[in-house]
Amino acid sequence: MRRFGVAMALGGAVFVGLHELGRRWGATRDEVRRPMAGDDIVPHAIGQTTHAITIEAAPERVWPWLVQMGYHRAGWYTYPWVDRYLWRIDNPSAAQVIPELQDLSVDDIVPDGQPGTAFYRVAVLDAPHTLVLHSTSHVPAPLRGKMTVDWTWAYELRAGGATTTRLTLRVRATFQPWWVRLIYDGMIVPSDFIMARSMLRGIARRAEGRPSRGDLDDAGRRETRVHDPVAAEGRTSRPSSEGSGSETRGASSEPPAAGQTTLSPRDH
């Protein structure tokens, strides 16, 4: 019985530690507390995480790696095993800047899965300082109609000198019903330590020009022609204020259908 109690105490301590790391890995107290662009999109967030990293490169060198992110775009720069074994998708990340994916604007779609599944829309874009992605589509198919999720991913780049950038990632979310909070606190926040940490480190390595062997091996698995849903959208309904850093609300929540997705060349 005593051993069981010790095991429970250790398990609880590990969970608390992972939860705290998942909530604010790399971020200072000031970075956690201060407002960021996109906070008002989910004004009454139930959950919020803030992560940060210092990158030895100017914001102009980091920015291209952000705007090309997405499923079957340049990937998310996380550990390769995350996509292959956790999410069961093949989404290798690029190890170089892809010119064809640099034209991103407010209201564009950034896919996070196959057409008809999860995706983001660009809510705020102020190059090379701020990128905010917004989604209400990240609901597993079996739970659609039973739960809702409304969340943002906000990336902020601040110059720390002529050749240094402080990259901050904030995720804000609200959800229904009440039991989703149990999933969020019990699984999503602790795992965000791995996900956000690997993403920020992956961006840093690439922007600093020092991709790891794993990064290069993962990039080597990329096909020469892959889906580009942003290009497929054609930007036919863009508001006149696009690209000015303004936020777009009430955009269509429908991702491009499989038949609308085109192919575009990728360089490696």
Protein backbone atom coordinates (compact mmCIF):
# COMPACT_ATOMS: atom_id res chain seq x y z
CA MET A 1 0.00 0.00 0.00
CA ARG A 2 2.87 2.32 0.81
CA ARG A 3 4.48 1.63 -2.55
CA PHE A 4 1.21 2.41 -4.25
CA GLY A 5 1.05 5.73 -2.43
CA VAL A 6 4.61 6.59 -3.41
CA ALA A 7 3.86 5.68 -7.04
CA MET A 8 0.76 7.84 -7.02
CA ALA A 9 2.68 10.76 -5.55
CA LEU A 10 5.45 10.43 -8.13
CA GLY A 11 2.92 10.12 -10.93
CA GLY A 12 1.13 13.21 -9.71
CA ALA A 13 4.37 15.16 -9.52
CA VAL A 14 5.30 14.15 -13.07
CA PHE A 15 1.87 15.16 -14.35
CA VAL A 16 2.05 18.55 -12.63
CA GLY A 17 5.51 19.12 -14.07
CA LEU A 18 4.45 18.19 -17.59
CA HIS A 19 1.32 20.31 -17.28
CA GLU A 20 3.37 23.35 -16.29
CA LEU A 21 5.88 22.77 -19.10
CA GLY A 22 3.01 22.31 -21.53
CA ARG A 23 1.52 25.58 -20.36
CA ARG A 24 4.62 27.81 -20.60
CA TRP A 25 7.79 26.07 -21.83
CA GLY A 26 10.48 28.61 -22.70
CA ALA A 27 8.32 31.66 -21.91
CA THR A 28 9.11 34.26 -19.28
CA ARG A 29 6.53 35.41 -16.75
CA ASP A 30 6.10 38.65 -18.70
CA GLU A 31 5.56 36.79 -21.98
CA VAL A 32 2.91 34.61 -20.36
CA ARG A 33 1.01 37.57 -18.94
CA ARG A 34 1.22 40.25 -21.63
CA PRO A 35 -1.45 40.59 -24.35
CA MET A 36 -0.75 39.30 -27.85
CA ALA A 37 -2.37 39.80 -31.23
CA GLY A 38 -5.30 37.43 -31.65
CA ASP A 39 -6.22 37.28 -27.96
CA ASP A 40 -9.52 39.01 -28.77
CA ILE A 41 -10.53 36.35 -31.31
CA VAL A 42 -11.12 33.94 -28.41
CA PRO A 43 -11.84 36.58 -25.74
CA HIS A 44 -13.02 34.24 -22.98
CA ALA A 45 -10.49 31.44 -23.37
CA ILE A 46 -10.86 28.48 -21.05
CA GLY A 47 -7.30 27.39 -21.78
CA GLN A 48 -4.13 29.22 -22.79
CA THR A 49 -0.54 28.13 -23.33
CA THR A 50 2.44 30.35 -24.17
CA HIS A 51 5.82 29.12 -25.39
CA ALA A 52 8.88 30.97 -26.60
CA ILE A 53 12.37 30.51 -27.97
CA THR A 54 15.28 32.75 -28.90
CA ILE A 55 16.50 32.29 -32.48
CA GLU A 56 19.89 33.45 -33.74
CA ALA A 57 18.44 34.99 -36.89
CA ALA A 58 16.65 38.21 -37.78
CA PRO A 59 12.81 38.17 -37.97
CA GLU A 60 13.01 38.49 -41.76
CA ARG A 61 14.83 35.15 -41.86
CA VAL A 62 12.41 33.43 -39.49
CA TRP A 63 9.19 34.68 -41.11
CA PRO A 64 9.38 32.56 -44.33
CA TRP A 65 9.38 29.39 -42.24
CA LEU A 66 6.10 30.44 -40.59
CA VAL A 67 4.09 31.39 -43.67
CA GLN A 68 4.80 28.10 -45.44
CA MET A 69 3.59 25.87 -42.58
CA GLY A 70 0.71 23.44 -42.96
CA TYR A 71 -0.29 19.92 -43.89
CA HIS A 72 1.16 19.02 -47.30
CA ARG A 73 2.72 22.46 -47.41
CA ALA A 74 6.00 22.69 -45.49
CA GLY A 75 4.72 20.70 -42.51
CA TRP A 76 4.85 21.84 -38.89
CA TYR A 77 8.56 21.15 -38.14
CA THR A 78 7.69 18.80 -35.27
CA TYR A 79 9.28 15.41 -34.62
CA PRO A 80 8.64 13.13 -37.65
CA TRP A 81 7.24 10.38 -35.43
CA VAL A 82 4.44 12.70 -34.24
CA ASP A 83 2.75 12.71 -37.64
CA ARG A 84 3.54 9.14 -38.58
CA TYR A 85 2.71 7.32 -35.36
CA LEU A 86 0.51 9.67 -33.34
CA TRP A 87 -1.65 11.26 -36.05
CA ARG A 88 -1.25 8.47 -38.63
CA ILE A 89 -0.52 10.87 -41.49
CA ASP A 90 2.45 11.34 -43.80
CA ASN A 91 3.42 15.00 -43.53
CA PRO A 92 7.22 15.36 -43.71
CA SER A 93 8.50 18.87 -42.99
CA ALA A 94 10.62 20.89 -45.39
CA ALA A 95 14.22 21.76 -44.60
CA GLN A 96 14.35 24.83 -46.84
CA VAL A 97 12.25 27.85 -47.69
CA ILE A 98 9.81 27.12 -50.54
CA PRO A 99 9.21 30.22 -52.72
CA GLU A 100 5.85 28.93 -54.00
CA LEU A 101 4.46 28.96 -50.44
CA GLN A 102 5.44 32.48 -49.41
CA ASP A 103 2.30 34.22 -50.70
CA LEU A 104 0.00 33.95 -47.66
CA SER A 105 -2.81 36.43 -46.91
CA VAL A 106 -5.59 37.04 -44.41
CA ASP A 107 -8.46 34.52 -44.82
CA ASP A 108 -6.29 31.93 -46.59
CA ILE A 109 -6.67 28.31 -45.53
CA VAL A 110 -3.78 26.54 -43.81
CA PRO A 111 -4.66 22.83 -43.80
CA ASP A 112 -3.98 20.59 -40.81
CA GLY A 113 -5.16 17.36 -42.40
CA GLN A 114 -6.77 15.85 -45.47
CA PRO A 115 -9.48 17.91 -47.24
CA GLY A 116 -12.67 17.73 -45.20
CA THR A 117 -10.84 17.51 -41.88
CA ALA A 118 -9.08 20.10 -39.70
CA PHE A 119 -7.80 23.42 -41.05
CA TYR A 120 -6.99 26.97 -39.98
CA ARG A 121 -7.78 30.33 -41.53
CA VAL A 122 -5.32 33.19 -41.38
CA ALA A 123 -6.89 35.75 -39.05
CA VAL A 124 -4.00 38.20 -38.67
CA LEU A 125 -0.92 38.66 -40.82
CA ASP A 126 1.62 41.42 -40.29
CA ALA A 127 4.93 40.46 -41.89
CA PRO A 128 7.44 39.83 -40.44
CA HIS A 129 5.97 40.26 -36.98
CA THR A 130 2.65 38.48 -36.41
CA LEU A 131 0.76 35.47 -37.75
CA VAL A 132 -2.49 34.31 -36.13
CA LEU A 133 -4.29 31.14 -37.25
CA HIS A 134 -7.91 30.49 -36.19
CA SER A 135 -9.88 27.24 -36.25
CA THR A 136 -13.24 25.82 -35.24
CA SER A 137 -12.70 22.63 -37.26
CA HIS A 138 -10.49 20.62 -34.89
CA VAL A 139 -13.21 18.24 -33.74
CA PRO A 140 -12.71 14.48 -34.26
CA ALA A 141 -15.22 13.05 -36.73
CA PRO A 142 -16.96 10.80 -34.15
CA LEU A 143 -17.55 13.84 -31.88
CA ARG A 144 -18.87 16.30 -34.44
CA GLY A 145 -22.16 17.68 -33.24
CA LYS A 146 -21.31 16.65 -29.67
CA MET A 147 -18.50 19.11 -28.94
CA THR A 148 -17.13 22.42 -30.22
CA VAL A 149 -13.63 23.86 -30.24
CA ASP A 150 -12.68 27.46 -30.98
CA TRP A 151 -8.96 28.21 -30.83
CA THR A 152 -6.12 30.34 -32.14
CA TRP A 153 -2.41 29.86 -32.71
CA ALA A 154 -0.63 33.21 -32.51
CA TYR A 155 3.01 33.57 -33.55
CA GLU A 156 4.88 36.75 -32.65
CA LEU A 157 8.40 37.68 -33.73
CA ARG A 158 10.30 40.37 -31.83
CA ALA A 159 13.77 41.50 -32.81
CA GLY A 160 16.20 41.10 -29.96
CA GLY A 161 19.05 42.75 -31.84
CA ALA A 162 20.37 42.88 -35.38
CA THR A 163 20.55 39.08 -35.66
CA THR A 164 18.30 37.70 -32.92
CA THR A 165 14.55 36.99 -32.77
CA ARG A 166 12.31 36.10 -29.86
CA LEU A 167 9.58 33.83 -31.24
CA THR A 168 6.49 33.44 -29.05
CA LEU A 169 3.65 30.99 -29.69
CA ARG A 170 0.36 31.43 -27.85
CA VAL A 171 -2.57 29.03 -28.11
CA ARG A 172 -5.97 30.13 -26.77
CA ALA A 173 -8.99 27.85 -26.74
CA THR A 174 -12.57 27.55 -25.60
CA PHE A 175 -14.70 24.45 -25.90
CA GLN A 176 -17.97 22.78 -25.02
CA PRO A 177 -19.29 20.77 -23.23
CA TRP A 178 -17.67 20.67 -19.80
CA TRP A 179 -15.98 17.27 -20.20
CA VAL A 180 -13.73 18.57 -22.99
CA ARG A 181 -11.87 20.43 -20.25
CA LEU A 182 -10.82 17.08 -18.79
CA ILE A 183 -9.30 16.07 -22.14
CA TYR A 184 -7.65 19.46 -22.51
CA ASP A 185 -6.03 19.52 -19.07
CA GLY A 186 -5.31 15.81 -18.91
CA MET A 187 -3.88 15.26 -22.38
CA ILE A 188 -3.54 18.31 -24.61
CA VAL A 189 -1.68 20.66 -22.26
CA PRO A 190 0.94 18.09 -21.11
CA SER A 191 1.49 16.93 -24.71
CA ASP A 192 1.90 20.54 -25.82
CA PHE A 193 5.28 20.49 -24.09
CA ILE A 194 6.42 18.00 -26.74
CA MET A 195 4.51 19.50 -29.67
CA ALA A 196 5.22 23.20 -29.15
CA ARG A 197 8.79 22.60 -28.03
CA SER A 198 9.60 20.45 -31.06
CA MET A 199 7.94 22.95 -33.43
CA LEU A 200 9.78 25.99 -32.05
CA ARG A 201 13.09 24.15 -31.99
CA GLY A 202 12.48 22.93 -35.53
CA ILE A 203 11.84 26.48 -36.73
CA ALA A 204 14.96 27.71 -34.91
CA ARG A 205 17.25 25.07 -36.44
CA ARG A 206 16.01 25.81 -39.94
CA ALA A 207 16.09 29.60 -39.62
CA GLU A 208 19.62 29.42 -38.19
CA GLY A 209 20.71 27.26 -41.12
CA ARG A 210 21.54 24.19 -39.03
CA PRO A 211 18.89 21.54 -39.76
CA SER A 212 19.49 18.28 -37.97
CA ARG A 213 20.09 14.94 -39.65
CA GLY A 214 16.50 14.04 -38.73
CA ASP A 215 15.24 17.24 -40.37
CA LEU A 216 17.11 16.44 -43.58
CA ASP A 217 16.00 12.81 -43.57
CA ASP A 218 12.39 13.87 -43.05
CA ALA A 219 12.62 16.44 -45.87
CA GLY A 220 14.04 13.75 -48.13
CA ARG A 221 10.75 11.86 -47.89
CA ARG A 222 8.79 14.77 -49.38
CA GLU A 223 7.27 14.29 -52.81
CA THR A 224 8.10 16.74 -55.56
CA ARG A 225 4.41 17.54 -56.11
CA VAL A 226 2.05 17.88 -53.16
CA HIS A 227 -1.26 19.51 -52.31
CA ASP A 228 -1.39 23.28 -51.87
CA PRO A 229 -4.91 24.20 -50.68
CA VAL A 230 -3.92 27.86 -50.23
CA ALA A 231 -3.13 28.15 -53.94
CA ALA A 232 -6.30 26.22 -54.73
CA GLU A 233 -8.47 28.81 -52.99
CA GLY A 234 -7.62 31.40 -55.63
CA ARG A 235 -8.23 34.24 -53.12
CA THR A 236 -11.48 35.22 -54.79
CA SER A 237 -13.22 36.68 -51.72
CA ARG A 238 -10.44 38.59 -49.99
CA PRO A 239 -11.45 41.71 -48.04
CA SER A 240 -9.82 44.94 -49.20
CA SER A 241 -7.89 45.22 -45.93
CA GLU A 242 -6.02 41.95 -46.38
CA GLY A 243 -2.35 41.88 -45.50
CA SER A 244 -2.67 45.01 -43.39
CA GLY A 245 -2.73 43.08 -40.13
CA SER A 246 -6.51 43.35 -39.76
CA GLU A 247 -8.57 40.44 -38.50
CA THR A 248 -11.18 38.71 -40.60
CA ARG A 249 -14.25 37.34 -38.81
CA GLY A 250 -17.17 35.30 -40.02
CA ALA A 251 -15.28 33.64 -42.86
CA SER A 252 -16.61 30.42 -44.31
CA SER A 253 -15.77 27.42 -42.14
CA GLU A 254 -15.67 25.01 -45.08
CA PRO A 255 -12.24 23.77 -46.21
CA PRO A 256 -11.60 23.12 -49.91
CA ALA A 257 -13.09 19.82 -51.05
CA ALA A 258 -10.80 17.13 -52.37
CA GLY A 259 -11.80 17.93 -55.94
CA GLN A 260 -10.80 21.58 -55.51
CA THR A 261 -7.28 20.84 -54.33
CA THR A 262 -4.60 21.41 -56.95
CA LEU A 263 -1.00 20.38 -57.18
CA SER A 264 1.98 22.68 -57.18
CA PRO A 265 5.70 22.00 -57.61
CA ARG A 266 7.97 21.87 -54.56
CA ASP A 267 11.74 22.30 -54.66
CA HIS A 268 14.00 20.22 -52.42
